[in-house]
Amino acid sequence: MNELVLASFAAARDMHLVGEPRSARFAAFKARFDSEAELVRLGSLGVRFLARSDPSFPVLLGAIHDPPAGLFLRGEADVAFLSRPVVAIVGARVCSAYGRQIARSLGRDLAAAGLVVVSGLARGVDAEAHRGALEASGATVAVLGCGIDRDYPAAHGELAKQVATAGLVVSEYAPGVEPAPWRFPARNRIVAGLSAATVVVEARERSGALITADFALEEGRDVLAVPGEITSALSAGSNALLRLGATPLTCVQDVLESYGLVLTTAASIDLGATAAAVLESIRGGAVGADELCRANGLSASELAVALTELELAGAVTEENGVYRAAS
């Protein structure tokens, strides 16, 4: 099967296709389609096409029940990049400061440990996961729910450029395809399909992140969720995943164990300013939360974000409300 003609036909007809339609319209389109000319056109746009039948197509993505006909690629990395160990980090677009901090910390630590961080370039958790990976000079992949030639949302154009420099921007949709609500759930199956494990940081009850988690579960992949405040609507979906049996993510090692990796010291030293200040206070000796708040001039919620970042980085331990620096 010529997967490029299928993807091009889907773009021309504004359809979602993973297999050849048995229609006279498609047959006519295929008969006059010039694959070589289309590849030249894509090249002029800085785009490559990786067909599903190509031996370099990522094995995990090819194993899902409805893999895309192919992937359009934008970026400097080789296609083999997509076959490296990949972890998805997803969550709410409108997230809390806690969610942003944890997503960024996870992206940074997991990329520093050698994993490729994949997400959807969306606002909130997705963007922070990409930024964290970039801060660690690590590898990251952004999966679009629109044509490969478009950065969506447009406000993330600069972030998309940085991702393409460090890794790849990918889409199953050809240049010119506009974003549409129904394309994003389809995009989510690719995020989950590329990954051996999916991490949900923060999600409402009907969040798109839960769709990604469902796809991962259907394919027998690992799903981890960051526990959230039980009174917060932003954590309702991720906490529901925990009730259904998702693995609680309490430190970055919970993810790394799925890949047989160990957190290195280099992956844990790049902390935010607040977390670094709190860590200095803890290094002075075992200390409780109230004392940390007073010593650093933080509110309880600000301290909670900093402590969670430190715990995820493996920098501190907690027992009976007392925090100690990890040895």
Protein backbone atom coordinates (compact mmCIF):
# COMPACT_ATOMS: atom_id res chain seq x y z
CA MET A 1 0.00 0.00 0.00
CA ASN A 2 1.20 3.51 -0.79
CA GLU A 3 0.61 5.13 2.59
CA LEU A 4 1.51 8.60 1.32
CA VAL A 5 -1.37 8.61 -1.15
CA LEU A 6 -3.72 7.54 1.65
CA ALA A 7 -2.56 10.35 3.92
CA SER A 8 -2.77 12.86 1.08
CA PHE A 9 -6.28 11.73 0.14
CA ALA A 10 -7.39 12.04 3.77
CA ALA A 11 -6.03 15.60 3.84
CA ALA A 12 -7.70 16.53 0.58
CA ARG A 13 -11.09 15.17 1.71
CA ASP A 14 -10.79 16.25 5.37
CA MET A 15 -11.16 12.64 6.51
CA HIS A 16 -9.49 10.35 9.04
CA LEU A 17 -8.22 7.19 7.37
CA VAL A 18 -5.97 4.33 8.45
CA GLY A 19 -6.82 1.96 5.58
CA GLU A 20 -7.59 2.35 1.89
CA PRO A 21 -11.25 3.14 1.19
CA ARG A 22 -12.98 1.07 -1.49
CA SER A 23 -14.38 3.97 -3.44
CA ALA A 24 -14.16 5.19 -7.00
CA ARG A 25 -13.13 8.61 -5.69
CA PHE A 26 -10.08 7.18 -3.92
CA ALA A 27 -9.20 4.99 -6.90
CA ALA A 28 -9.23 8.04 -9.19
CA PHE A 29 -7.14 10.05 -6.72
CA LYS A 30 -4.61 7.22 -6.43
CA ALA A 31 -4.33 6.81 -10.19
CA ARG A 32 -3.25 10.39 -10.70
CA PHE A 33 -1.19 10.78 -7.52
CA ASP A 34 2.54 11.40 -8.03
CA SER A 35 4.36 10.17 -4.92
CA GLU A 36 7.77 11.40 -6.05
CA ALA A 37 6.47 14.90 -6.72
CA GLU A 38 4.73 14.96 -3.34
CA LEU A 39 7.91 13.93 -1.53
CA VAL A 40 9.76 16.76 -3.28
CA ARG A 41 7.03 19.19 -2.20
CA LEU A 42 7.23 17.95 1.38
CA GLY A 43 11.00 18.31 1.34
CA SER A 44 10.66 21.94 0.27
CA LEU A 45 8.57 22.47 3.41
CA GLY A 46 11.16 20.80 5.63
CA VAL A 47 8.91 17.76 6.11
CA ARG A 48 9.63 14.03 5.82
CA PHE A 49 7.17 11.14 5.61
CA LEU A 50 7.65 7.84 7.43
CA ALA A 51 5.30 5.21 6.07
CA ARG A 52 3.74 2.54 8.29
CA SER A 53 5.34 -0.14 6.10
CA ASP A 54 8.82 1.34 6.54
CA PRO A 55 11.11 -0.87 8.69
CA SER A 56 12.00 2.27 10.69
CA PHE A 57 8.40 2.90 11.72
CA PRO A 58 8.23 2.72 15.55
CA VAL A 59 7.34 -0.82 16.61
CA LEU A 60 5.16 0.21 19.55
CA LEU A 61 3.06 2.55 17.41
CA GLY A 62 2.75 -0.03 14.65
CA ALA A 63 1.40 -2.51 17.21
CA ILE A 64 -1.74 -0.53 18.13
CA HIS A 65 -4.99 -1.70 16.59
CA ASP A 66 -5.36 1.36 14.33
CA PRO A 67 -1.87 2.69 13.55
CA PRO A 68 -1.68 5.75 11.28
CA ALA A 69 -0.83 5.25 7.63
CA GLY A 70 2.38 7.09 8.37
CA LEU A 71 3.88 10.02 10.21
CA PHE A 72 4.86 13.38 8.79
CA LEU A 73 8.03 14.54 10.54
CA ARG A 74 9.48 17.97 11.18
CA GLY A 75 12.81 18.26 12.95
CA GLU A 76 16.47 17.38 12.90
CA ALA A 77 16.44 13.93 14.53
CA ASP A 78 16.77 10.69 12.61
CA VAL A 79 13.63 8.54 12.35
CA ALA A 80 15.31 5.96 14.61
CA PHE A 81 14.77 8.52 17.35
CA LEU A 82 11.12 7.40 17.58
CA SER A 83 12.16 3.85 18.44
CA ARG A 84 14.08 4.86 21.55
CA PRO A 85 12.44 4.31 24.98
CA VAL A 86 9.56 6.81 25.09
CA VAL A 87 7.38 8.03 27.97
CA ALA A 88 4.24 10.14 27.53
CA ILE A 89 3.46 12.98 29.95
CA VAL A 90 -0.06 14.37 29.62
CA GLY A 91 -2.53 16.38 31.65
CA ALA A 92 -4.78 19.41 31.91
CA ARG A 93 -4.46 22.41 29.62
CA VAL A 94 -5.68 24.68 32.40
CA CYS A 95 -3.57 23.25 35.19
CA SER A 96 -2.52 24.42 38.63
CA ALA A 97 0.90 25.73 39.62
CA TYR A 98 1.42 22.30 41.19
CA GLY A 99 0.63 20.57 37.90
CA ARG A 100 2.94 22.83 35.91
CA GLN A 101 5.80 22.32 38.34
CA ILE A 102 5.45 18.54 38.46
CA ALA A 103 5.12 18.19 34.68
CA ARG A 104 8.25 20.24 34.14
CA SER A 105 10.19 18.38 36.82
CA LEU A 106 9.17 15.00 35.40
CA GLY A 107 10.04 16.05 31.86
CA ARG A 108 13.44 17.25 33.02
CA ASP A 109 14.32 14.22 35.12
CA LEU A 110 13.03 11.59 32.71
CA ALA A 111 14.82 13.19 29.76
CA ALA A 112 18.01 13.47 31.81
CA ALA A 113 17.74 9.75 32.55
CA GLY A 114 17.72 9.02 28.81
CA LEU A 115 14.03 8.71 27.96
CA VAL A 116 12.31 10.49 25.08
CA VAL A 117 9.46 12.61 26.46
CA VAL A 118 6.40 12.74 24.21
CA SER A 119 3.39 15.01 24.62
CA GLY A 120 0.93 17.03 22.57
CA LEU A 121 2.35 20.61 22.58
CA ALA A 122 -0.89 21.81 24.20
CA ARG A 123 -1.06 24.48 26.87
CA GLY A 124 -0.51 23.48 30.48
CA VAL A 125 0.97 20.10 31.35
CA ASP A 126 1.99 19.19 27.78
CA ALA A 127 4.04 22.34 27.25
CA GLU A 128 5.71 22.08 30.65
CA ALA A 129 6.73 18.46 29.97
CA HIS A 130 8.38 19.56 26.72
CA ARG A 131 10.10 22.49 28.45
CA GLY A 132 11.42 20.26 31.21
CA ALA A 133 12.95 17.87 28.68
CA LEU A 134 14.54 20.77 26.84
CA GLU A 135 15.99 22.16 30.08
CA ALA A 136 17.77 18.84 30.57
CA SER A 137 19.13 19.03 27.00
CA GLY A 138 17.11 15.87 26.48
CA ALA A 139 14.95 14.45 23.75
CA THR A 140 11.28 15.26 23.23
CA VAL A 141 8.55 14.67 20.63
CA ALA A 142 5.45 16.81 20.06
CA VAL A 143 2.46 15.12 18.41
CA LEU A 144 0.09 17.48 16.61
CA GLY A 145 -3.65 17.20 16.05
CA CYS A 146 -3.41 19.16 12.80
CA GLY A 147 -1.26 19.37 9.69
CA ILE A 148 2.49 19.01 10.20
CA ASP A 149 3.10 22.49 8.78
CA ARG A 150 1.15 24.21 11.54
CA ASP A 151 2.10 24.91 15.16
CA TYR A 152 -0.96 24.53 17.37
CA PRO A 153 -1.57 26.47 19.47
CA ALA A 154 0.13 29.28 17.57
CA ALA A 155 1.44 30.71 20.84
CA HIS A 156 3.71 27.65 21.08
CA GLY A 157 5.48 28.34 17.79
CA GLU A 158 8.81 29.03 19.50
CA LEU A 159 8.43 25.95 21.70
CA ALA A 160 7.75 23.85 18.59
CA LYS A 161 10.98 25.15 17.02
CA GLN A 162 12.92 24.15 20.12
CA VAL A 163 11.32 20.70 20.13
CA ALA A 164 12.18 20.23 16.44
CA THR A 165 15.79 21.15 17.18
CA ALA A 166 16.07 18.68 20.07
CA GLY A 167 13.82 15.99 18.64
CA LEU A 168 10.80 15.85 16.36
CA VAL A 169 7.38 17.36 15.74
CA VAL A 170 5.13 14.67 14.23
CA SER A 171 1.61 14.32 12.87
CA GLU A 172 -0.39 11.81 10.91
CA TYR A 173 -1.93 14.77 9.07
CA ALA A 174 -0.46 16.22 5.89
CA PRO A 175 0.38 19.90 5.44
CA GLY A 176 -2.68 22.11 5.17
CA VAL A 177 -4.94 20.14 7.51
CA GLU A 178 -6.68 22.45 9.96
CA PRO A 179 -7.10 21.56 13.65
CA ALA A 180 -10.54 20.17 14.52
CA PRO A 181 -11.95 18.85 17.81
CA TRP A 182 -12.21 15.26 16.55
CA ARG A 183 -8.55 15.17 15.51
CA PHE A 184 -7.22 15.52 19.05
CA PRO A 185 -8.53 12.21 20.43
CA ALA A 186 -7.00 10.61 17.32
CA ARG A 187 -3.75 12.43 18.12
CA ASN A 188 -3.87 11.05 21.66
CA ARG A 189 -3.73 7.45 20.44
CA ILE A 190 -0.40 8.28 18.78
CA VAL A 191 0.95 9.85 21.99
CA ALA A 192 0.03 6.68 23.87
CA GLY A 193 1.04 4.38 21.00
CA LEU A 194 4.60 5.69 20.87
CA SER A 195 5.07 5.15 24.59
CA ALA A 196 5.68 2.17 26.83
CA ALA A 197 4.26 4.20 29.73
CA THR A 198 1.89 7.15 30.04
CA VAL A 199 1.99 9.55 32.99
CA VAL A 200 -1.10 11.62 33.83
CA VAL A 201 -0.08 14.62 35.93
CA GLU A 202 -3.37 16.42 36.44
CA ALA A 203 -6.74 15.85 34.76
CA ARG A 204 -10.36 16.78 35.18
CA GLU A 205 -13.09 14.13 35.00
CA ARG A 206 -13.48 14.46 31.21
CA SER A 207 -9.98 15.55 30.33
CA GLY A 208 -8.40 14.57 27.02
CA ALA A 209 -5.53 13.20 29.08
CA LEU A 210 -7.86 10.42 30.24
CA ILE A 211 -8.47 9.51 26.60
CA THR A 212 -4.71 9.08 26.21
CA ALA A 213 -4.64 6.93 29.36
CA ASP A 214 -7.52 4.81 28.02
CA PHE A 215 -5.66 4.21 24.76
CA ALA A 216 -2.57 3.18 26.71
CA LEU A 217 -4.56 0.78 28.88
CA GLU A 218 -6.28 -0.76 25.84
CA GLU A 219 -2.85 -1.49 24.36
CA GLY A 220 -1.55 -3.03 27.58
CA ARG A 221 0.84 -0.17 28.32
CA ASP A 222 1.71 1.14 31.79
CA VAL A 223 -0.31 4.06 33.14
CA LEU A 224 0.86 6.13 36.11
CA ALA A 225 -0.96 9.03 37.76
CA VAL A 226 0.30 11.75 40.06
CA PRO A 227 -1.95 11.89 43.15
CA GLY A 228 -3.71 15.22 43.53
CA GLU A 229 -5.70 17.12 46.12
CA ILE A 230 -9.00 15.35 46.75
CA THR A 231 -10.82 18.70 46.86
CA SER A 232 -9.49 19.90 43.49
CA ALA A 233 -11.54 19.41 40.31
CA LEU A 234 -8.24 19.45 38.41
CA SER A 235 -7.28 16.18 40.11
CA ALA A 236 -10.63 14.40 39.83
CA GLY A 237 -9.70 12.49 36.67
CA SER A 238 -6.18 11.54 37.70
CA ASN A 239 -7.37 10.43 41.15
CA ALA A 240 -10.09 8.36 39.46
CA LEU A 241 -7.36 6.56 37.50
CA LEU A 242 -5.74 5.64 40.79
CA ARG A 243 -9.01 4.17 42.05
CA LEU A 244 -9.18 2.09 38.88
CA GLY A 245 -5.72 0.67 39.47
CA ALA A 246 -3.26 3.06 37.81
CA THR A 247 0.17 3.10 39.43
CA PRO A 248 0.64 6.04 41.83
CA LEU A 249 3.58 8.20 40.82
CA THR A 250 5.28 9.41 44.01
CA CYS A 251 8.81 9.81 42.67
CA VAL A 252 10.48 9.78 39.28
CA GLN A 253 11.93 6.34 39.99
CA ASP A 254 8.39 4.93 39.74
CA VAL A 255 8.59 5.65 36.00
CA LEU A 256 12.23 4.72 35.50
CA GLU A 257 11.66 1.26 36.98
CA SER A 258 9.37 0.49 34.04
CA TYR A 259 12.37 1.00 31.75
CA GLY A 260 15.02 -0.60 33.95
CA LEU A 261 16.68 2.75 34.57
CA VAL A 262 18.07 4.36 37.72
CA LEU A 263 17.87 8.08 38.49
CA THR A 264 21.32 9.64 38.31
CA THR A 265 22.58 12.54 40.37
CA ALA A 266 22.72 14.71 37.26
CA ALA A 267 19.00 14.24 36.75
CA SER A 268 18.13 15.61 40.17
CA ILE A 269 20.27 18.73 40.62
CA ASP A 270 18.48 21.09 38.21
CA LEU A 271 15.81 22.45 40.56
CA GLY A 272 13.59 25.50 40.55
CA ALA A 273 14.68 28.40 42.77
CA THR A 274 12.05 27.73 45.44
CA ALA A 275 12.77 24.00 45.60
CA ALA A 276 16.51 24.66 45.79
CA ALA A 277 16.00 27.05 48.73
CA VAL A 278 13.80 24.52 50.55
CA LEU A 279 16.41 21.81 49.96
CA GLU A 280 19.07 23.98 51.60
CA SER A 281 16.83 24.33 54.66
CA ILE A 282 16.33 20.56 54.83
CA ARG A 283 20.06 19.88 54.52
CA GLY A 284 20.49 21.69 57.84
CA GLY A 285 18.72 18.80 59.56
CA ALA A 286 15.38 16.99 59.79
CA VAL A 287 12.56 19.56 59.67
CA GLY A 288 8.77 19.74 59.54
CA ALA A 289 6.55 21.55 57.04
CA ASP A 290 5.59 24.42 59.36
CA GLU A 291 9.22 25.26 60.04
CA LEU A 292 10.01 25.12 56.31
CA CYS A 293 7.19 27.56 55.58
CA ARG A 294 8.49 30.01 58.17
CA ALA A 295 12.13 29.67 57.17
CA ASN A 296 11.43 30.26 53.48
CA GLY A 297 8.48 32.65 53.68
CA LEU A 298 6.22 30.26 51.76
CA SER A 299 2.54 29.49 51.89
CA ALA A 300 1.49 25.90 52.50
CA SER A 301 0.58 25.43 48.83
CA GLU A 302 3.90 26.88 47.62
CA LEU A 303 5.80 24.59 49.97
CA ALA A 304 3.78 21.59 48.76
CA VAL A 305 4.83 22.26 45.16
CA ALA A 306 8.50 22.60 46.15
CA LEU A 307 8.48 19.46 48.29
CA THR A 308 6.82 17.45 45.54
CA GLU A 309 9.50 18.58 43.08
CA LEU A 310 12.19 17.53 45.57
CA GLU A 311 10.57 14.16 46.22
CA LEU A 312 10.19 13.47 42.49
CA ALA A 313 13.86 14.35 42.03
CA GLY A 314 14.81 11.97 44.85
CA ALA A 315 16.40 14.82 46.79
CA VAL A 316 14.39 14.46 50.02
CA THR A 317 12.53 11.80 51.97
CA GLU A 318 9.54 12.19 54.28
CA GLU A 319 8.48 10.18 57.30
CA ASN A 320 5.72 11.14 59.73
CA GLY A 321 5.70 14.72 58.46
CA VAL A 322 9.46 15.18 58.88
CA TYR A 323 11.66 15.87 55.83
CA ARG A 324 15.29 14.82 55.46
CA ALA A 325 17.78 15.26 52.64
CA ALA A 326 18.35 12.03 50.72
CA SER A 327 21.75 10.49 51.21
